[in-house]
Amino acid sequence: MPDEKKDPLTSSEETIPVVYASPLKRVWAWVGVAYMLVIVCLITYSLAFGAYLHGIGGLLVCPALGGTAASLVVLWRQEKKHSPLQLVLFLGTLGLCTVLIILGLRSGIPGLVNNFGVR
């Protein structure tokens, strides 16, 4: 039987090594998961109650800002040597992301609570 078919999954000589995603890709994948959950909740709410949530723009910016801050930390840790200017830019951008997240939460959470009639 010269025409025997080989199962490609059992052949050890043709195995492709597993390549995992980089940490930066993982960060943005989690940001995508966060936005997916937000969108599912918004659509579910609008279908259940027939109205949209208003005043939650600050909350919608927070996952992207968190992803930007996490990306900065990942890129910072990948490089071995840093100049003082890079340190200042890193800390400034990280601080700006943190302040904007706090402001987004501060404006978004009361807007979200006002949609449910709680004052």
PDB file of N, CA and C in Angstrom:
ATOM      1  N   MET A   1       0.816  -1.167   0.000  1.00  0.00           N
ATOM      2  CA  MET A   1       0.000   0.000   0.000  1.00  0.00           C
ATOM      3  C   MET A   1       0.870   1.245   0.000  1.00  0.00           C
ATOM      4  N   PRO A   2       1.323   1.640  -1.136  1.00  0.00           N
ATOM      5  CA  PRO A   2       2.191   2.808  -1.201  1.00  0.00           C
ATOM      6  C   PRO A   2       1.454   4.123  -1.046  1.00  0.00           C
ATOM      7  N   ASP A   3       0.146   4.128  -1.190  1.00  0.00           N
ATOM      8  CA  ASP A   3      -0.620   5.375  -1.110  1.00  0.00           C
ATOM      9  C   ASP A   3      -1.228   5.593   0.271  1.00  0.00           C
ATOM     10  N   GLU A   4      -0.505   5.249   1.295  1.00  0.00           N
ATOM     11  CA  GLU A   4      -1.022   5.479   2.646  1.00  0.00           C
ATOM     12  C   GLU A   4      -1.010   6.980   2.941  1.00  0.00           C
ATOM     13  N   LYS A   5      -2.078   7.421   3.531  1.00  0.00           N
ATOM     14  CA  LYS A   5      -2.167   8.849   3.889  1.00  0.00           C
ATOM     15  C   LYS A   5      -1.676   9.040   5.313  1.00  0.00           C
ATOM     16  N   LYS A   6      -0.855  10.038   5.488  1.00  0.00           N
ATOM     17  CA  LYS A   6      -0.362  10.350   6.823  1.00  0.00           C
ATOM     18  C   LYS A   6      -1.237  11.432   7.440  1.00  0.00           C
ATOM     19  N   ASP A   7      -1.477  11.286   8.706  1.00  0.00           N
ATOM     20  CA  ASP A   7      -2.221  12.310   9.430  1.00  0.00           C
ATOM     21  C   ASP A   7      -1.264  13.462   9.743  1.00  0.00           C
ATOM     22  N   PRO A   8      -1.553  14.679   9.273  1.00  0.00           N
ATOM     23  CA  PRO A   8      -0.609  15.781   9.484  1.00  0.00           C
ATOM     24  C   PRO A   8      -0.454  16.175  10.947  1.00  0.00           C
ATOM     25  N   LEU A   9      -1.413  15.829  11.779  1.00  0.00           N
ATOM     26  CA  LEU A   9      -1.306  16.208  13.181  1.00  0.00           C
ATOM     27  C   LEU A   9      -0.372  15.300  13.955  1.00  0.00           C
ATOM     28  N   THR A  10      -0.172  14.068  13.487  1.00  0.00           N
ATOM     29  CA  THR A  10       0.690  13.142  14.205  1.00  0.00           C
ATOM     30  C   THR A  10       2.122  13.179  13.691  1.00  0.00           C
ATOM     31  N   SER A  11       2.388  13.846  12.623  1.00  0.00           N
ATOM     32  CA  SER A  11       3.726  13.920  12.068  1.00  0.00           C
ATOM     33  C   SER A  11       4.563  14.884  12.908  1.00  0.00           C
ATOM     34  N   SER A  12       5.619  14.379  13.527  1.00  0.00           N
ATOM     35  CA  SER A  12       6.436  15.220  14.398  1.00  0.00           C
ATOM     36  C   SER A  12       7.454  16.035  13.611  1.00  0.00           C
ATOM     37  N   GLU A  13       7.763  15.633  12.387  1.00  0.00           N
ATOM     38  CA  GLU A  13       8.761  16.351  11.627  1.00  0.00           C
ATOM     39  C   GLU A  13       8.213  17.635  11.004  1.00  0.00           C
ATOM     40  N   GLU A  14       6.908  17.782  10.926  1.00  0.00           N
ATOM     41  CA  GLU A  14       6.315  18.944  10.294  1.00  0.00           C
ATOM     42  C   GLU A  14       5.589  19.851  11.297  1.00  0.00           C
ATOM     43  N   THR A  15       5.942  19.767  12.553  1.00  0.00           N
ATOM     44  CA  THR A  15       5.255  20.589  13.540  1.00  0.00           C
ATOM     45  C   THR A  15       5.745  22.032  13.463  1.00  0.00           C
ATOM     46  N   ILE A  16       4.823  22.929  13.591  1.00  0.00           N
ATOM     47  CA  ILE A  16       5.129  24.349  13.573  1.00  0.00           C
ATOM     48  C   ILE A  16       5.238  24.808  15.017  1.00  0.00           C
ATOM     49  N   PRO A  17       6.312  25.505  15.351  1.00  0.00           N
ATOM     50  CA  PRO A  17       6.441  25.957  16.740  1.00  0.00           C
ATOM     51  C   PRO A  17       5.380  26.996  17.082  1.00  0.00           C
ATOM     52  N   VAL A  18       4.977  26.988  18.326  1.00  0.00           N
ATOM     53  CA  VAL A  18       3.964  27.931  18.798  1.00  0.00           C
ATOM     54  C   VAL A  18       4.614  29.295  18.998  1.00  0.00           C
ATOM     55  N   VAL A  19       4.006  30.319  18.438  1.00  0.00           N
ATOM     56  CA  VAL A  19       4.502  31.685  18.599  1.00  0.00           C
ATOM     57  C   VAL A  19       3.445  32.455  19.382  1.00  0.00           C
ATOM     58  N   TYR A  20       3.818  32.871  20.578  1.00  0.00           N
ATOM     59  CA  TYR A  20       2.892  33.594  21.425  1.00  0.00           C
ATOM     60  C   TYR A  20       2.891  35.077  21.069  1.00  0.00           C
ATOM     61  N   ALA A  21       1.811  35.733  21.396  1.00  0.00           N
ATOM     62  CA  ALA A  21       1.696  37.168  21.120  1.00  0.00           C
ATOM     63  C   ALA A  21       2.630  37.944  22.036  1.00  0.00           C
ATOM     64  N   SER A  22       3.078  39.065  21.544  1.00  0.00           N
ATOM     65  CA  SER A  22       3.948  39.926  22.344  1.00  0.00           C
ATOM     66  C   SER A  22       3.131  40.564  23.475  1.00  0.00           C
ATOM     67  N   PRO A  23       3.809  41.028  24.523  1.00  0.00           N
ATOM     68  CA  PRO A  23       3.071  41.675  25.612  1.00  0.00           C
ATOM     69  C   PRO A  23       2.269  42.890  25.157  1.00  0.00           C
ATOM     70  N   LEU A  24       2.778  43.611  24.169  1.00  0.00           N
ATOM     71  CA  LEU A  24       2.058  44.776  23.667  1.00  0.00           C
ATOM     72  C   LEU A  24       0.762  44.367  22.973  1.00  0.00           C
ATOM     73  N   LYS A  25       0.799  43.282  22.231  1.00  0.00           N
ATOM     74  CA  LYS A  25      -0.416  42.789  21.589  1.00  0.00           C
ATOM     75  C   LYS A  25      -1.416  42.285  22.626  1.00  0.00           C
ATOM     76  N   ARG A  26      -0.913  41.702  23.702  1.00  0.00           N
ATOM     77  CA  ARG A  26      -1.806  41.226  24.765  1.00  0.00           C
ATOM     78  C   ARG A  26      -2.502  42.385  25.462  1.00  0.00           C
ATOM     79  N   VAL A  27      -1.757  43.477  25.682  1.00  0.00           N
ATOM     80  CA  VAL A  27      -2.360  44.661  26.311  1.00  0.00           C
ATOM     81  C   VAL A  27      -3.532  45.148  25.478  1.00  0.00           C
ATOM     82  N   TRP A  28      -3.327  45.299  24.171  1.00  0.00           N
ATOM     83  CA  TRP A  28      -4.387  45.843  23.323  1.00  0.00           C
ATOM     84  C   TRP A  28      -5.498  44.833  23.091  1.00  0.00           C
ATOM     85  N   ALA A  29      -5.196  43.541  23.226  1.00  0.00           N
ATOM     86  CA  ALA A  29      -6.273  42.551  23.166  1.00  0.00           C
ATOM     87  C   ALA A  29      -7.191  42.703  24.379  1.00  0.00           C
ATOM     88  N   TRP A  30      -6.614  42.973  25.555  1.00  0.00           N
ATOM     89  CA  TRP A  30      -7.437  43.174  26.744  1.00  0.00           C
ATOM     90  C   TRP A  30      -8.241  44.468  26.657  1.00  0.00           C
ATOM     91  N   VAL A  31      -7.668  45.479  26.030  1.00  0.00           N
ATOM     92  CA  VAL A  31      -8.430  46.715  25.803  1.00  0.00           C
ATOM     93  C   VAL A  31      -9.617  46.408  24.901  1.00  0.00           C
ATOM     94  N   GLY A  32      -9.401  45.598  23.884  1.00  0.00           N
ATOM     95  CA  GLY A  32     -10.499  45.196  22.999  1.00  0.00           C
ATOM     96  C   GLY A  32     -11.568  44.416  23.741  1.00  0.00           C
ATOM     97  N   VAL A  33     -11.158  43.553  24.662  1.00  0.00           N
ATOM     98  CA  VAL A  33     -12.131  42.808  25.467  1.00  0.00           C
ATOM     99  C   VAL A  33     -12.937  43.760  26.343  1.00  0.00           C
ATOM    100  N   ALA A  34     -12.265  44.756  26.916  1.00  0.00           N
ATOM    101  CA  ALA A  34     -12.982  45.733  27.748  1.00  0.00           C
ATOM    102  C   ALA A  34     -14.010  46.496  26.930  1.00  0.00           C
ATOM    103  N   TYR A  35     -13.634  46.932  25.725  1.00  0.00           N
ATOM    104  CA  TYR A  35     -14.588  47.651  24.873  1.00  0.00           C
ATOM    105  C   TYR A  35     -15.725  46.737  24.413  1.00  0.00           C
ATOM    106  N   MET A  36     -15.416  45.465  24.178  1.00  0.00           N
ATOM    107  CA  MET A  36     -16.469  44.537  23.784  1.00  0.00           C
ATOM    108  C   MET A  36     -17.506  44.407  24.898  1.00  0.00           C
ATOM    109  N   LEU A  37     -17.041  44.295  26.139  1.00  0.00           N
ATOM    110  CA  LEU A  37     -17.967  44.190  27.266  1.00  0.00           C
ATOM    111  C   LEU A  37     -18.798  45.463  27.428  1.00  0.00           C
ATOM    112  N   VAL A  38     -18.169  46.624  27.233  1.00  0.00           N
ATOM    113  CA  VAL A  38     -18.895  47.888  27.336  1.00  0.00           C
ATOM    114  C   VAL A  38     -19.971  47.964  26.266  1.00  0.00           C
ATOM    115  N   ILE A  39     -19.623  47.606  25.044  1.00  0.00           N
ATOM    116  CA  ILE A  39     -20.590  47.675  23.945  1.00  0.00           C
ATOM    117  C   ILE A  39     -21.737  46.694  24.161  1.00  0.00           C
ATOM    118  N   VAL A  40     -21.434  45.502  24.649  1.00  0.00           N
ATOM    119  CA  VAL A  40     -22.498  44.530  24.923  1.00  0.00           C
ATOM    120  C   VAL A  40     -23.434  45.062  26.004  1.00  0.00           C
ATOM    121  N   CYS A  41     -22.871  45.665  27.047  1.00  0.00           N
ATOM    122  CA  CYS A  41     -23.727  46.236  28.108  1.00  0.00           C
ATOM    123  C   CYS A  41     -24.573  47.396  27.588  1.00  0.00           C
ATOM    124  N   LEU A  42     -23.998  48.262  26.765  1.00  0.00           N
ATOM    125  CA  LEU A  42     -24.761  49.383  26.216  1.00  0.00           C
ATOM    126  C   LEU A  42     -25.891  48.909  25.310  1.00  0.00           C
ATOM    127  N   ILE A  43     -25.609  47.931  24.475  1.00  0.00           N
ATOM    128  CA  ILE A  43     -26.648  47.421  23.576  1.00  0.00           C
ATOM    129  C   ILE A  43     -27.728  46.697  24.361  1.00  0.00           C
ATOM    130  N   THR A  44     -27.327  45.920  25.355  1.00  0.00           N
ATOM    131  CA  THR A  44     -28.310  45.209  26.171  1.00  0.00           C
ATOM    132  C   THR A  44     -29.221  46.188  26.908  1.00  0.00           C
ATOM    133  N   TYR A  45     -28.633  47.245  27.468  1.00  0.00           N
ATOM    134  CA  TYR A  45     -29.430  48.247  28.169  1.00  0.00           C
ATOM    135  C   TYR A  45     -30.411  48.932  27.220  1.00  0.00           C
ATOM    136  N   SER A  46     -29.921  49.304  26.032  1.00  0.00           N
ATOM    137  CA  SER A  46     -30.805  50.014  25.104  1.00  0.00           C
ATOM    138  C   SER A  46     -31.927  49.121  24.590  1.00  0.00           C
ATOM    139  N   LEU A  47     -31.671  47.831  24.427  1.00  0.00           N
ATOM    140  CA  LEU A  47     -32.731  46.921  23.998  1.00  0.00           C
ATOM    141  C   LEU A  47     -33.721  46.629  25.127  1.00  0.00           C
ATOM    142  N   ALA A  48     -33.223  46.585  26.364  1.00  0.00           N
ATOM    143  CA  ALA A  48     -34.092  46.261  27.486  1.00  0.00           C
ATOM    144  C   ALA A  48     -34.984  47.435  27.887  1.00  0.00           C
ATOM    145  N   PHE A  49     -34.451  48.647  27.824  1.00  0.00           N
ATOM    146  CA  PHE A  49     -35.199  49.790  28.330  1.00  0.00           C
ATOM    147  C   PHE A  49     -35.635  50.766  27.245  1.00  0.00           C
ATOM    148  N   GLY A  50     -35.213  50.576  26.032  1.00  0.00           N
ATOM    149  CA  GLY A  50     -35.633  51.434  24.936  1.00  0.00           C
ATOM    150  C   GLY A  50     -35.042  52.826  24.963  1.00  0.00           C
ATOM    151  N   ALA A  51     -33.944  53.006  25.679  1.00  0.00           N
ATOM    152  CA  ALA A  51     -33.287  54.313  25.751  1.00  0.00           C
ATOM    153  C   ALA A  51     -31.784  54.091  25.855  1.00  0.00           C
ATOM    154  N   TYR A  52     -31.053  55.114  25.462  1.00  0.00           N
ATOM    155  CA  TYR A  52     -29.605  55.042  25.538  1.00  0.00           C
ATOM    156  C   TYR A  52     -29.105  55.686  26.818  1.00  0.00           C
ATOM    157  N   LEU A  53     -27.924  55.285  27.245  1.00  0.00           N
ATOM    158  CA  LEU A  53     -27.292  55.916  28.398  1.00  0.00           C
ATOM    159  C   LEU A  53     -26.616  57.206  27.945  1.00  0.00           C
ATOM    160  N   HIS A  54     -26.833  58.281  28.690  1.00  0.00           N
ATOM    161  CA  HIS A  54     -26.263  59.581  28.341  1.00  0.00           C
ATOM    162  C   HIS A  54     -25.235  59.981  29.390  1.00  0.00           C
ATOM    163  N   GLY A  55     -24.235  60.726  28.946  1.00  0.00           N
ATOM    164  CA  GLY A  55     -23.245  61.269  29.879  1.00  0.00           C
ATOM    165  C   GLY A  55     -22.176  60.296  30.302  1.00  0.00           C
ATOM    166  N   ILE A  56     -21.906  59.266  29.513  1.00  0.00           N
ATOM    167  CA  ILE A  56     -20.915  58.276  29.914  1.00  0.00           C
ATOM    168  C   ILE A  56     -19.673  58.325  29.026  1.00  0.00           C
ATOM    169  N   GLY A  57     -19.467  59.431  28.335  1.00  0.00           N
ATOM    170  CA  GLY A  57     -18.312  59.547  27.449  1.00  0.00           C
ATOM    171  C   GLY A  57     -16.986  59.396  28.174  1.00  0.00           C
ATOM    172  N   GLY A  58     -16.916  59.894  29.385  1.00  0.00           N
ATOM    173  CA  GLY A  58     -15.689  59.763  30.168  1.00  0.00           C
ATOM    174  C   GLY A  58     -15.342  58.320  30.472  1.00  0.00           C
ATOM    175  N   LEU A  59     -16.360  57.510  30.691  1.00  0.00           N
ATOM    176  CA  LEU A  59     -16.114  56.089  30.949  1.00  0.00           C
ATOM    177  C   LEU A  59     -15.632  55.362  29.702  1.00  0.00           C
ATOM    178  N   LEU A  60     -16.055  55.813  28.542  1.00  0.00           N
ATOM    179  CA  LEU A  60     -15.681  55.129  27.311  1.00  0.00           C
ATOM    180  C   LEU A  60     -14.234  55.404  26.907  1.00  0.00           C
ATOM    181  N   VAL A  61     -13.635  56.435  27.457  1.00  0.00           N
ATOM    182  CA  VAL A  61     -12.253  56.769  27.139  1.00  0.00           C
ATOM    183  C   VAL A  61     -11.274  56.017  28.044  1.00  0.00           C
ATOM    184  N   CYS A  62     -11.723  55.590  29.202  1.00  0.00           N
ATOM    185  CA  CYS A  62     -10.839  54.983  30.201  1.00  0.00           C
ATOM    186  C   CYS A  62     -10.113  53.720  29.729  1.00  0.00           C
ATOM    187  N   PRO A  63     -10.740  52.769  29.036  1.00  0.00           N
ATOM    188  CA  PRO A  63      -9.975  51.593  28.591  1.00  0.00           C
ATOM    189  C   PRO A  63      -8.840  51.941  27.628  1.00  0.00           C
ATOM    190  N   ALA A  64      -9.056  52.884  26.739  1.00  0.00           N
ATOM    191  CA  ALA A  64      -8.000  53.275  25.806  1.00  0.00           C
ATOM    192  C   ALA A  64      -6.847  53.961  26.540  1.00  0.00           C
ATOM    193  N   LEU A  65      -7.174  54.797  27.508  1.00  0.00           N
ATOM    194  CA  LEU A  65      -6.122  55.449  28.289  1.00  0.00           C
ATOM    195  C   LEU A  65      -5.361  54.434  29.141  1.00  0.00           C
ATOM    196  N   GLY A  66      -6.070  53.470  29.686  1.00  0.00           N
ATOM    197  CA  GLY A  66      -5.401  52.406  30.439  1.00  0.00           C
ATOM    198  C   GLY A  66      -4.496  51.568  29.547  1.00  0.00           C
ATOM    199  N   GLY A  67      -4.945  51.294  28.327  1.00  0.00           N
ATOM    200  CA  GLY A  67      -4.112  50.558  27.377  1.00  0.00           C
ATOM    201  C   GLY A  67      -2.882  51.348  26.978  1.00  0.00           C
ATOM    202  N   THR A  68      -3.036  52.652  26.831  1.00  0.00           N
ATOM    203  CA  THR A  68      -1.890  53.498  26.509  1.00  0.00           C
ATOM    204  C   THR A  68      -0.883  53.502  27.648  1.00  0.00           C
ATOM    205  N   ALA A  69      -1.367  53.615  28.869  1.00  0.00           N
ATOM    206  CA  ALA A  69      -0.467  53.590  30.030  1.00  0.00           C
ATOM    207  C   ALA A  69       0.228  52.235  30.152  1.00  0.00           C
ATOM    208  N   ALA A  70      -0.506  51.155  29.960  1.00  0.00           N
ATOM    209  CA  ALA A  70       0.104  49.825  30.037  1.00  0.00           C
ATOM    210  C   ALA A  70       1.109  49.625  28.906  1.00  0.00           C
ATOM    211  N   SER A  71       0.831  50.151  27.730  1.00  0.00           N
ATOM    212  CA  SER A  71       1.774  50.060  26.613  1.00  0.00           C
ATOM    213  C   SER A  71       3.062  50.805  26.924  1.00  0.00           C
ATOM    214  N   LEU A  72       2.935  51.962  27.557  1.00  0.00           N
ATOM    215  CA  LEU A  72       4.126  52.713  27.955  1.00  0.00           C
ATOM    216  C   LEU A  72       4.991  51.908  28.918  1.00  0.00           C
ATOM    217  N   VAL A  73       4.348  51.268  29.878  1.00  0.00           N
ATOM    218  CA  VAL A  73       5.098  50.474  30.857  1.00  0.00           C
ATOM    219  C   VAL A  73       5.774  49.280  30.176  1.00  0.00           C
ATOM    220  N   VAL A  74       5.069  48.616  29.271  1.00  0.00           N
ATOM    221  CA  VAL A  74       5.654  47.469  28.558  1.00  0.00           C
ATOM    222  C   VAL A  74       6.849  47.918  27.729  1.00  0.00           C
ATOM    223  N   LEU A  75       6.706  49.004  26.992  1.00  0.00           N
ATOM    224  CA  LEU A  75       7.808  49.489  26.165  1.00  0.00           C
ATOM    225  C   LEU A  75       8.979  49.973  27.021  1.00  0.00           C
ATOM    226  N   TRP A  76       8.677  50.552  28.169  1.00  0.00           N
ATOM    227  CA  TRP A  76       9.728  51.016  29.066  1.00  0.00           C
ATOM    228  C   TRP A  76      10.536  49.840  29.601  1.00  0.00           C
ATOM    229  N   ARG A  77       9.858  48.760  29.949  1.00  0.00           N
ATOM    230  CA  ARG A  77      10.547  47.602  30.518  1.00  0.00           C
ATOM    231  C   ARG A  77      11.328  46.809  29.478  1.00  0.00           C
ATOM    232  N   GLN A  78      10.970  46.931  28.202  1.00  0.00           N
ATOM    233  CA  GLN A  78      11.676  46.193  27.160  1.00  0.00           C
ATOM    234  C   GLN A  78      13.045  46.800  26.861  1.00  0.00           C
ATOM    235  N   GLU A  79      13.189  48.102  27.040  1.00  0.00           N
ATOM    236  CA  GLU A  79      14.447  48.770  26.745  1.00  0.00           C
ATOM    237  C   GLU A  79      15.324  48.753  27.994  1.00  0.00           C
ATOM    238  N   LYS A  80      16.614  48.552  27.801  1.00  0.00           N
ATOM    239  CA  LYS A  80      17.523  48.418  28.946  1.00  0.00           C
ATOM    240  C   LYS A  80      18.032  49.770  29.466  1.00  0.00           C
ATOM    241  N   LYS A  81      18.486  50.642  28.574  1.00  0.00           N
ATOM    242  CA  LYS A  81      19.054  51.919  29.005  1.00  0.00           C
ATOM    243  C   LYS A  81      18.096  53.047  28.650  1.00  0.00           C
ATOM    244  N   HIS A  82      17.986  54.001  29.568  1.00  0.00           N
ATOM    245  CA  HIS A  82      17.084  55.134  29.361  1.00  0.00           C
ATOM    246  C   HIS A  82      17.832  56.428  29.652  1.00  0.00           C
ATOM    247  N   SER A  83      17.566  57.419  28.834  1.00  0.00           N
ATOM    248  CA  SER A  83      18.147  58.738  29.079  1.00  0.00           C
ATOM    249  C   SER A  83      17.237  59.503  30.036  1.00  0.00           C
ATOM    250  N   PRO A  84      17.749  60.556  30.645  1.00  0.00           N
ATOM    251  CA  PRO A  84      16.900  61.362  31.539  1.00  0.00           C
ATOM    252  C   PRO A  84      15.696  61.973  30.818  1.00  0.00           C
ATOM    253  N   LEU A  85      15.860  62.345  29.544  1.00  0.00           N
ATOM    254  CA  LEU A  85      14.742  62.890  28.787  1.00  0.00           C
ATOM    255  C   LEU A  85      13.656  61.834  28.590  1.00  0.00           C
ATOM    256  N   GLN A  86      14.079  60.598  28.329  1.00  0.00           N
ATOM    257  CA  GLN A  86      13.097  59.517  28.183  1.00  0.00           C
ATOM    258  C   GLN A  86      12.350  59.275  29.483  1.00  0.00           C
ATOM    259  N   LEU A  87      13.047  59.386  30.604  1.00  0.00           N
ATOM    260  CA  LEU A  87      12.405  59.216  31.904  1.00  0.00           C
ATOM    261  C   LEU A  87      11.358  60.296  32.144  1.00  0.00           C
ATOM    262  N   VAL A  88      11.695  61.528  31.817  1.00  0.00           N
ATOM    263  CA  VAL A  88      10.751  62.634  31.998  1.00  0.00           C
ATOM    264  C   VAL A  88       9.532  62.450  31.100  1.00  0.00           C
ATOM    265  N   LEU A  89       9.753  62.094  29.837  1.00  0.00           N
ATOM    266  CA  LEU A  89       8.634  61.871  28.914  1.00  0.00           C
ATOM    267  C   LEU A  89       7.775  60.688  29.351  1.00  0.00           C
ATOM    268  N   PHE A  90       8.415  59.623  29.818  1.00  0.00           N
ATOM    269  CA  PHE A  90       7.672  58.446  30.282  1.00  0.00           C
ATOM    270  C   PHE A  90       6.791  58.795  31.468  1.00  0.00           C
ATOM    271  N   LEU A  91       7.385  59.427  32.478  1.00  0.00           N
ATOM    272  CA  LEU A  91       6.613  59.756  33.680  1.00  0.00           C
ATOM    273  C   LEU A  91       5.543  60.806  33.388  1.00  0.00           C
ATOM    274  N   GLY A  92       5.844  61.749  32.509  1.00  0.00           N
ATOM    275  CA  GLY A  92       4.854  62.761  32.157  1.00  0.00           C
ATOM    276  C   GLY A  92       3.662  62.173  31.426  1.00  0.00           C
ATOM    277  N   THR A  93       3.942  61.300  30.455  1.00  0.00           N
ATOM    278  CA  THR A  93       2.844  60.681  29.703  1.00  0.00           C
ATOM    279  C   THR A  93       2.051  59.724  30.573  1.00  0.00           C
ATOM    280  N   LEU A  94       2.752  58.979  31.416  1.00  0.00           N
ATOM    281  CA  LEU A  94       2.057  58.069  32.333  1.00  0.00           C
ATOM    282  C   LEU A  94       1.195  58.855  33.320  1.00  0.00           C
ATOM    283  N   GLY A  95       1.720  59.961  33.824  1.00  0.00           N
ATOM    284  CA  GLY A  95       0.943  60.812  34.720  1.00  0.00           C
ATOM    285  C   GLY A  95      -0.260  61.433  34.028  1.00  0.00           C
ATOM    286  N   LEU A  96      -0.071  61.856  32.774  1.00  0.00           N
ATOM    287  CA  LEU A  96      -1.184  62.426  32.007  1.00  0.00           C
ATOM    288  C   LEU A  96      -2.283  61.387  31.788  1.00  0.00           C
ATOM    289  N   CYS A  97      -1.883  60.159  31.452  1.00  0.00           N
ATOM    290  CA  CYS A  97      -2.886  59.095  31.280  1.00  0.00           C
ATOM    291  C   CYS A  97      -3.631  58.837  32.587  1.00  0.00           C
ATOM    292  N   THR A  98      -2.911  58.829  33.692  1.00  0.00           N
ATOM    293  CA  THR A  98      -3.544  58.588  34.989  1.00  0.00           C
ATOM    294  C   THR A  98      -4.522  59.703  35.344  1.00  0.00           C
ATOM    295  N   VAL A  99      -4.122  60.952  35.122  1.00  0.00           N
ATOM    296  CA  VAL A  99      -5.007  62.088  35.416  1.00  0.00           C
ATOM    297  C   VAL A  99      -6.250  62.034  34.525  1.00  0.00           C
ATOM    298  N   LEU A 100      -6.069  61.720  33.245  1.00  0.00           N
ATOM    299  CA  LEU A 100      -7.219  61.645  32.346  1.00  0.00           C
ATOM    300  C   LEU A 100      -8.156  60.490  32.692  1.00  0.00           C
ATOM    301  N   ILE A 101      -7.608  59.382  33.168  1.00  0.00           N
ATOM    302  CA  ILE A 101      -8.464  58.278  33.618  1.00  0.00           C
ATOM    303  C   ILE A 101      -9.283  58.723  34.823  1.00  0.00           C
ATOM    304  N   ILE A 102      -8.649  59.394  35.761  1.00  0.00           N
ATOM    305  CA  ILE A 102      -9.369  59.864  36.956  1.00  0.00           C
ATOM    306  C   ILE A 102     -10.454  60.867  36.571  1.00  0.00           C
ATOM    307  N   LEU A 103     -10.131  61.778  35.659  1.00  0.00           N
ATOM    308  CA  LEU A 103     -11.142  62.746  35.211  1.00  0.00           C
ATOM    309  C   LEU A 103     -12.275  62.057  34.450  1.00  0.00           C
ATOM    310  N   GLY A 104     -11.942  61.052  33.643  1.00  0.00           N
ATOM    311  CA  GLY A 104     -12.979  60.309  32.930  1.00  0.00           C
ATOM    312  C   GLY A 104     -13.901  59.568  33.876  1.00  0.00           C
ATOM    313  N   LEU A 105     -13.330  58.963  34.900  1.00  0.00           N
ATOM    314  CA  LEU A 105     -14.161  58.278  35.893  1.00  0.00           C
ATOM    315  C   LEU A 105     -14.990  59.275  36.694  1.00  0.00           C
ATOM    316  N   ARG A 106     -14.379  60.423  36.988  1.00  0.00           N
ATOM    317  CA  ARG A 106     -15.089  61.440  37.779  1.00  0.00           C
ATOM    318  C   ARG A 106     -16.273  62.035  37.029  1.00  0.00           C
ATOM    319  N   SER A 107     -16.159  62.129  35.711  1.00  0.00           N
ATOM    320  CA  SER A 107     -17.287  62.668  34.943  1.00  0.00           C
ATOM    321  C   SER A 107     -18.236  61.568  34.460  1.00  0.00           C
ATOM    322  N   GLY A 108     -17.735  60.362  34.279  1.00  0.00           N
ATOM    323  CA  GLY A 108     -18.563  59.292  33.730  1.00  0.00           C
ATOM    324  C   GLY A 108     -19.426  58.571  34.742  1.00  0.00           C
ATOM    325  N   ILE A 109     -18.915  58.370  35.937  1.00  0.00           N
ATOM    326  CA  ILE A 109     -19.685  57.633  36.947  1.00  0.00           C
ATOM    327  C   ILE A 109     -20.936  58.400  37.379  1.00  0.00           C
ATOM    328  N   PRO A 110     -20.856  59.716  37.672  1.00  0.00           N
ATOM    329  CA  PRO A 110     -22.111  60.424  37.983  1.00  0.00           C
ATOM    330  C   PRO A 110     -23.091  60.439  36.807  1.00  0.00           C
ATOM    331  N   GLY A 111     -22.562  60.534  35.584  1.00  0.00           N
ATOM    332  CA  GLY A 111     -23.452  60.475  34.415  1.00  0.00           C
ATOM    333  C   GLY A 111     -24.145  59.137  34.307  1.00  0.00           C
ATOM    334  N   LEU A 112     -23.414  58.075  34.606  1.00  0.00           N
ATOM    335  CA  LEU A 112     -23.998  56.731  34.568  1.00  0.00           C
ATOM    336  C   LEU A 112     -25.049  56.571  35.668  1.00  0.00           C
ATOM    337  N   VAL A 113     -24.765  57.079  36.857  1.00  0.00           N
ATOM    338  CA  VAL A 113     -25.697  56.965  37.982  1.00  0.00           C
ATOM    339  C   VAL A 113     -26.962  57.780  37.706  1.00  0.00           C
ATOM    340  N   ASN A 114     -26.829  58.926  37.067  1.00  0.00           N
ATOM    341  CA  ASN A 114     -27.998  59.765  36.754  1.00  0.00           C
ATOM    342  C   ASN A 114     -28.949  59.084  35.770  1.00  0.00           C
ATOM    343  N   ASN A 115     -28.444  58.204  34.953  1.00  0.00           N
ATOM    344  CA  ASN A 115     -29.310  57.474  34.020  1.00  0.00           C
ATOM    345  C   ASN A 115     -30.245  56.502  34.729  1.00  0.00           C
ATOM    346  N   PHE A 116     -29.856  56.069  35.916  1.00  0.00           N
ATOM    347  CA  PHE A 116     -30.682  55.106  36.651  1.00  0.00           C
ATOM    348  C   PHE A 116     -31.607  55.773  37.650  1.00  0.00           C
ATOM    349  N   GLY A 117     -31.610  57.083  37.681  1.00  0.00           N
ATOM    350  CA  GLY A 117     -32.535  57.809  38.546  1.00  0.00           C
ATOM    351  C   GLY A 117     -32.057  57.978  39.974  1.00  0.00           C
ATOM    352  N   VAL A 118     -30.852  57.578  40.263  1.00  0.00           N
ATOM    353  CA  VAL A 118     -30.305  57.735  41.627  1.00  0.00           C
ATOM    354  C   VAL A 118     -29.605  59.072  41.661  1.00  0.00           C
ATOM    355  N   ARG A 119     -29.913  59.889  42.637  1.00  0.00           N
ATOM    356  CA  ARG A 119     -29.301  61.216  42.726  1.00  0.00           C
ATOM    357  C   ARG A 119     -28.528  61.341  44.003  1.00  0.00           C
TER     358      ARG A 119
END
